[in-house]
Amino acid sequence: MWDMIERFRTGRIDSVQTLSHVELGRYGESLAVKFLRLHGYRIVMTNFVTPIGYSRKARQITGEIDLIAYDESSRPFHLAFIEVKTRTSAEIAAPESAVDRRKQRQIVRAARIYRRWISVEDEPYRYDVVSILLAPRQRATITLMRNYFTEQRFERSRWFSVENQFLPRTR
């Protein structure tokens, strides 16, 4: 499913339970940055936020990408859009399961805007997820899932183009 999964263990942290979810996320992102640098990534931007559309009630919808980096561990370099998920327990679900279809769609839309904004539409890119499990009094487990999802599922089908919308359906 993923091109590569890498696991990494850090030192123990004892006060995980006292962190708010925002602090936990920030701490997880700082661990992810250190981990990715060790694995040949060059961090370009953190917490990229951009408007990606409007809701039905005319409210602006924003998309956020936690980390944008170049994976320089192989040629050609890939521009990686990275979502970081940090949890204190995996009892209910793994951290990466929170990167559901809706979140993937927001990341894809924000990544398209970013690629257009800096004029790198023709460069190779992919979507990675870093999963961090910070259990109390245990070493943190960091898992990198390269190419976790693709944007193919979000492309519009040619079948539903304007030319084809009035064609009779065959069974």
C-alpha atoms as a PDB file:
ATOM      1  CA  MET A   1       0.000   0.000   0.000  1.00  0.00           C
ATOM      2  CA  TRP A   2       2.763   2.430   0.872  1.00  0.00           C
ATOM      3  CA  ASP A   3       6.070   2.741  -0.919  1.00  0.00           C
ATOM      4  CA  MET A   4       7.992   2.613   2.298  1.00  0.00           C
ATOM      5  CA  ILE A   5       7.278   2.490   5.989  1.00  0.00           C
ATOM      6  CA  GLU A   6       9.973   3.564   8.378  1.00  0.00           C
ATOM      7  CA  ARG A   7       9.793   3.363  12.138  1.00  0.00           C
ATOM      8  CA  PHE A   8      11.849   5.337  14.593  1.00  0.00           C
ATOM      9  CA  ARG A   9      11.949   5.413  18.369  1.00  0.00           C
ATOM     10  CA  THR A  10      12.824   8.523  20.355  1.00  0.00           C
ATOM     11  CA  GLY A  11      13.549   9.055  24.027  1.00  0.00           C
ATOM     12  CA  ARG A  12      10.826   8.680  26.622  1.00  0.00           C
ATOM     13  CA  ILE A  13       8.480  11.483  27.574  1.00  0.00           C
ATOM     14  CA  ASP A  14       6.708  11.252  30.937  1.00  0.00           C
ATOM     15  CA  SER A  15       4.311  14.208  30.817  1.00  0.00           C
ATOM     16  CA  VAL A  16       2.292  13.342  27.686  1.00  0.00           C
ATOM     17  CA  GLN A  17      -0.997  13.295  29.591  1.00  0.00           C
ATOM     18  CA  THR A  18      -0.595  16.930  30.673  1.00  0.00           C
ATOM     19  CA  LEU A  19      -0.286  18.276  27.112  1.00  0.00           C
ATOM     20  CA  SER A  20      -3.339  19.820  25.460  1.00  0.00           C
ATOM     21  CA  HIS A  21      -4.210  18.486  22.000  1.00  0.00           C
ATOM     22  CA  VAL A  22      -2.711  21.621  20.410  1.00  0.00           C
ATOM     23  CA  GLU A  23       0.544  21.242  22.375  1.00  0.00           C
ATOM     24  CA  LEU A  24       0.598  17.537  21.568  1.00  0.00           C
ATOM     25  CA  GLY A  25       0.260  18.338  17.853  1.00  0.00           C
ATOM     26  CA  ARG A  26       3.031  20.929  17.968  1.00  0.00           C
ATOM     27  CA  TYR A  27       5.310  18.566  19.849  1.00  0.00           C
ATOM     28  CA  GLY A  28       4.556  15.823  17.326  1.00  0.00           C
ATOM     29  CA  GLU A  29       5.336  18.134  14.419  1.00  0.00           C
ATOM     30  CA  SER A  30       8.684  19.108  15.977  1.00  0.00           C
ATOM     31  CA  LEU A  31       9.545  15.400  16.377  1.00  0.00           C
ATOM     32  CA  ALA A  32       8.487  14.793  12.767  1.00  0.00           C
ATOM     33  CA  VAL A  33      10.753  17.588  11.496  1.00  0.00           C
ATOM     34  CA  LYS A  34      13.759  16.095  13.308  1.00  0.00           C
ATOM     35  CA  PHE A  35      12.892  12.606  12.071  1.00  0.00           C
ATOM     36  CA  LEU A  36      12.447  13.697   8.452  1.00  0.00           C
ATOM     37  CA  ARG A  37      15.738  15.616   8.436  1.00  0.00           C
ATOM     38  CA  LEU A  38      17.486  12.441   9.633  1.00  0.00           C
ATOM     39  CA  HIS A  39      15.923  10.563   6.695  1.00  0.00           C
ATOM     40  CA  GLY A  40      17.025  12.938   3.933  1.00  0.00           C
ATOM     41  CA  TYR A  41      14.147  15.428   3.785  1.00  0.00           C
ATOM     42  CA  ARG A  42      14.744  19.159   3.357  1.00  0.00           C
ATOM     43  CA  ILE A  43      11.925  21.043   5.078  1.00  0.00           C
ATOM     44  CA  VAL A  44      10.577  23.860   2.910  1.00  0.00           C
ATOM     45  CA  MET A  45       7.569  25.057   4.895  1.00  0.00           C
ATOM     46  CA  THR A  46       5.564  24.226   7.997  1.00  0.00           C
ATOM     47  CA  ASN A  47       1.860  24.814   8.566  1.00  0.00           C
ATOM     48  CA  PHE A  48       0.969  26.072   5.091  1.00  0.00           C
ATOM     49  CA  VAL A  49      -2.607  27.410   5.236  1.00  0.00           C
ATOM     50  CA  THR A  50      -4.540  28.624   2.204  1.00  0.00           C
ATOM     51  CA  PRO A  51      -8.165  29.221   1.234  1.00  0.00           C
ATOM     52  CA  ILE A  52      -9.393  26.287  -0.866  1.00  0.00           C
ATOM     53  CA  GLY A  53     -13.012  27.173  -1.482  1.00  0.00           C
ATOM     54  CA  TYR A  54     -16.341  28.176   0.010  1.00  0.00           C
ATOM     55  CA  SER A  55     -19.008  26.201   1.833  1.00  0.00           C
ATOM     56  CA  ARG A  56     -22.658  26.160   0.802  1.00  0.00           C
ATOM     57  CA  LYS A  57     -23.240  28.876   3.394  1.00  0.00           C
ATOM     58  CA  ALA A  58     -20.550  31.060   1.743  1.00  0.00           C
ATOM     59  CA  ARG A  59     -17.995  30.517   4.512  1.00  0.00           C
ATOM     60  CA  GLN A  60     -14.399  30.303   3.423  1.00  0.00           C
ATOM     61  CA  ILE A  61     -12.818  26.854   3.725  1.00  0.00           C
ATOM     62  CA  THR A  62      -9.090  26.657   4.380  1.00  0.00           C
ATOM     63  CA  GLY A  63      -6.711  23.787   3.831  1.00  0.00           C
ATOM     64  CA  GLU A  64      -3.592  23.173   5.871  1.00  0.00           C
ATOM     65  CA  ILE A  65      -0.522  21.122   5.131  1.00  0.00           C
ATOM     66  CA  ASP A  66       1.571  20.368   8.210  1.00  0.00           C
ATOM     67  CA  LEU A  67       4.937  19.996   6.460  1.00  0.00           C
ATOM     68  CA  ILE A  68       6.171  20.543   2.917  1.00  0.00           C
ATOM     69  CA  ALA A  69       9.585  19.085   2.172  1.00  0.00           C
ATOM     70  CA  TYR A  70      11.814  17.724  -0.562  1.00  0.00           C
ATOM     71  CA  ASP A  71      12.724  14.066  -0.163  1.00  0.00           C
ATOM     72  CA  GLU A  72      16.363  14.151  -1.205  1.00  0.00           C
ATOM     73  CA  SER A  73      17.028  10.514  -0.318  1.00  0.00           C
ATOM     74  CA  SER A  74      16.452   9.366  -3.903  1.00  0.00           C
ATOM     75  CA  ARG A  75      16.622  10.840  -7.408  1.00  0.00           C
ATOM     76  CA  PRO A  76      14.656  12.629  -8.704  1.00  0.00           C
ATOM     77  CA  PHE A  77      13.808  14.593  -5.593  1.00  0.00           C
ATOM     78  CA  HIS A  78      10.113  14.459  -4.708  1.00  0.00           C
ATOM     79  CA  LEU A  79       8.148  17.315  -3.221  1.00  0.00           C
ATOM     80  CA  ALA A  80       6.355  15.733  -0.259  1.00  0.00           C
ATOM     81  CA  PHE A  81       3.204  17.119   1.313  1.00  0.00           C
ATOM     82  CA  ILE A  82       3.225  15.625   4.795  1.00  0.00           C
ATOM     83  CA  GLU A  83       0.400  15.266   7.297  1.00  0.00           C
ATOM     84  CA  VAL A  84       1.510  14.618  10.886  1.00  0.00           C
ATOM     85  CA  LYS A  85      -0.812  12.779  13.261  1.00  0.00           C
ATOM     86  CA  THR A  86       0.140  12.463  16.929  1.00  0.00           C
ATOM     87  CA  ARG A  87      -1.722  10.370  19.485  1.00  0.00           C
ATOM     88  CA  THR A  88      -1.085   9.173  23.032  1.00  0.00           C
ATOM     89  CA  SER A  89      -2.772   5.822  22.472  1.00  0.00           C
ATOM     90  CA  ALA A  90      -3.620   3.531  19.579  1.00  0.00           C
ATOM     91  CA  GLU A  91      -6.318   1.620  21.470  1.00  0.00           C
ATOM     92  CA  ILE A  92      -9.203   2.935  19.395  1.00  0.00           C
ATOM     93  CA  ALA A  93      -7.440   3.613  16.101  1.00  0.00           C
ATOM     94  CA  ALA A  94      -3.991   4.221  14.693  1.00  0.00           C
ATOM     95  CA  PRO A  95      -3.003   7.889  14.301  1.00  0.00           C
ATOM     96  CA  GLU A  96      -2.888   7.678  10.485  1.00  0.00           C
ATOM     97  CA  SER A  97      -6.537   6.592  10.359  1.00  0.00           C
ATOM     98  CA  ALA A  98      -7.459  10.235  11.071  1.00  0.00           C
ATOM     99  CA  VAL A  99      -6.242  11.102   7.555  1.00  0.00           C
ATOM    100  CA  ASP A 100      -9.616  10.220   6.090  1.00  0.00           C
ATOM    101  CA  ARG A 101     -11.007  11.025   2.642  1.00  0.00           C
ATOM    102  CA  ARG A 102     -12.170  14.521   3.643  1.00  0.00           C
ATOM    103  CA  LYS A 103      -8.748  15.413   5.090  1.00  0.00           C
ATOM    104  CA  GLN A 104      -7.006  13.962   2.029  1.00  0.00           C
ATOM    105  CA  ARG A 105      -9.173  16.097  -0.245  1.00  0.00           C
ATOM    106  CA  GLN A 106      -8.288  19.250   1.703  1.00  0.00           C
ATOM    107  CA  ILE A 107      -4.580  18.410   1.525  1.00  0.00           C
ATOM    108  CA  VAL A 108      -4.789  17.755  -2.223  1.00  0.00           C
ATOM    109  CA  ARG A 109      -6.554  21.058  -2.873  1.00  0.00           C
ATOM    110  CA  ALA A 110      -4.041  22.995  -0.742  1.00  0.00           C
ATOM    111  CA  ALA A 111      -1.128  21.196  -2.442  1.00  0.00           C
ATOM    112  CA  ARG A 112      -2.444  22.135  -5.899  1.00  0.00           C
ATOM    113  CA  ILE A 113      -2.553  25.782  -4.849  1.00  0.00           C
ATOM    114  CA  TYR A 114       0.953  25.585  -3.368  1.00  0.00           C
ATOM    115  CA  ARG A 115       2.396  23.928  -6.497  1.00  0.00           C
ATOM    116  CA  ARG A 116       0.767  26.559  -8.713  1.00  0.00           C
ATOM    117  CA  TRP A 117       1.872  29.373  -6.377  1.00  0.00           C
ATOM    118  CA  ILE A 118       5.579  28.472  -6.546  1.00  0.00           C
ATOM    119  CA  SER A 119       5.440  27.203 -10.159  1.00  0.00           C
ATOM    120  CA  VAL A 120       6.432  23.569  -9.592  1.00  0.00           C
ATOM    121  CA  GLU A 121       3.479  21.895 -11.288  1.00  0.00           C
ATOM    122  CA  ASP A 122       5.768  19.656 -13.371  1.00  0.00           C
ATOM    123  CA  GLU A 123       7.930  18.384 -10.487  1.00  0.00           C
ATOM    124  CA  PRO A 124       7.293  14.925  -9.014  1.00  0.00           C
ATOM    125  CA  TYR A 125       5.332  15.045  -5.773  1.00  0.00           C
ATOM    126  CA  ARG A 126       3.551  12.775  -3.346  1.00  0.00           C
ATOM    127  CA  TYR A 127       1.515  12.724  -0.149  1.00  0.00           C
ATOM    128  CA  ASP A 128       3.130  11.267   2.975  1.00  0.00           C
ATOM    129  CA  VAL A 129       1.858  10.723   6.511  1.00  0.00           C
ATOM    130  CA  VAL A 130       3.931  10.700   9.676  1.00  0.00           C
ATOM    131  CA  SER A 131       2.256   8.818  12.519  1.00  0.00           C
ATOM    132  CA  ILE A 132       3.524   9.497  16.048  1.00  0.00           C
ATOM    133  CA  LEU A 133       2.510   7.486  19.064  1.00  0.00           C
ATOM    134  CA  LEU A 134       3.499   9.107  22.395  1.00  0.00           C
ATOM    135  CA  ALA A 135       2.567   6.618  25.090  1.00  0.00           C
ATOM    136  CA  PRO A 136       3.315   7.718  28.680  1.00  0.00           C
ATOM    137  CA  ARG A 137       6.639   6.470  30.086  1.00  0.00           C
ATOM    138  CA  GLN A 138       7.533   4.789  26.789  1.00  0.00           C
ATOM    139  CA  ARG A 139       9.621   5.748  23.818  1.00  0.00           C
ATOM    140  CA  ALA A 140       7.765   7.610  21.082  1.00  0.00           C
ATOM    141  CA  THR A 141       7.174   5.586  17.934  1.00  0.00           C
ATOM    142  CA  ILE A 142       7.383   7.514  14.670  1.00  0.00           C
ATOM    143  CA  THR A 143       6.206   5.892  11.445  1.00  0.00           C
ATOM    144  CA  LEU A 144       6.736   7.442   8.010  1.00  0.00           C
ATOM    145  CA  MET A 145       4.346   6.262   5.306  1.00  0.00           C
ATOM    146  CA  ARG A 146       5.540   7.477   1.940  1.00  0.00           C
ATOM    147  CA  ASN A 147       2.942   7.880  -0.791  1.00  0.00           C
ATOM    148  CA  TYR A 148       0.138   7.204   1.704  1.00  0.00           C
ATOM    149  CA  PHE A 149      -2.510   8.359  -0.762  1.00  0.00           C
ATOM    150  CA  THR A 150      -2.772   9.739  -4.277  1.00  0.00           C
ATOM    151  CA  GLU A 151      -4.982  12.400  -5.739  1.00  0.00           C
ATOM    152  CA  GLN A 152      -6.426  10.146  -8.454  1.00  0.00           C
ATOM    153  CA  ARG A 153      -9.596   9.541  -6.447  1.00  0.00           C
ATOM    154  CA  PHE A 154     -10.227  13.306  -6.414  1.00  0.00           C
ATOM    155  CA  GLU A 155      -9.880  13.918 -10.142  1.00  0.00           C
ATOM    156  CA  ARG A 156     -13.058  14.485 -12.048  1.00  0.00           C
ATOM    157  CA  SER A 157     -14.110  11.610 -14.198  1.00  0.00           C
ATOM    158  CA  ARG A 158     -14.155  12.162 -17.956  1.00  0.00           C
ATOM    159  CA  TRP A 159     -17.481  10.344 -18.021  1.00  0.00           C
ATOM    160  CA  PHE A 160     -19.140  13.196 -16.158  1.00  0.00           C
ATOM    161  CA  SER A 161     -17.819  15.917 -18.409  1.00  0.00           C
ATOM    162  CA  VAL A 162     -20.231  18.314 -20.099  1.00  0.00           C
ATOM    163  CA  GLU A 163     -20.110  16.368 -23.355  1.00  0.00           C
ATOM    164  CA  ASN A 164     -21.122  13.106 -21.692  1.00  0.00           C
ATOM    165  CA  GLN A 165     -23.739  14.260 -19.204  1.00  0.00           C
ATOM    166  CA  PHE A 166     -26.629  13.752 -21.636  1.00  0.00           C
ATOM    167  CA  LEU A 167     -25.613  10.379 -23.021  1.00  0.00           C
ATOM    168  CA  PRO A 168     -28.014   7.522 -22.286  1.00  0.00           C
ATOM    169  CA  ARG A 169     -26.840   5.064 -19.657  1.00  0.00           C
ATOM    170  CA  THR A 170     -26.290   1.487 -20.687  1.00  0.00           C
ATOM    171  CA  ARG A 171     -26.688  -1.421 -18.317  1.00  0.00           C
END
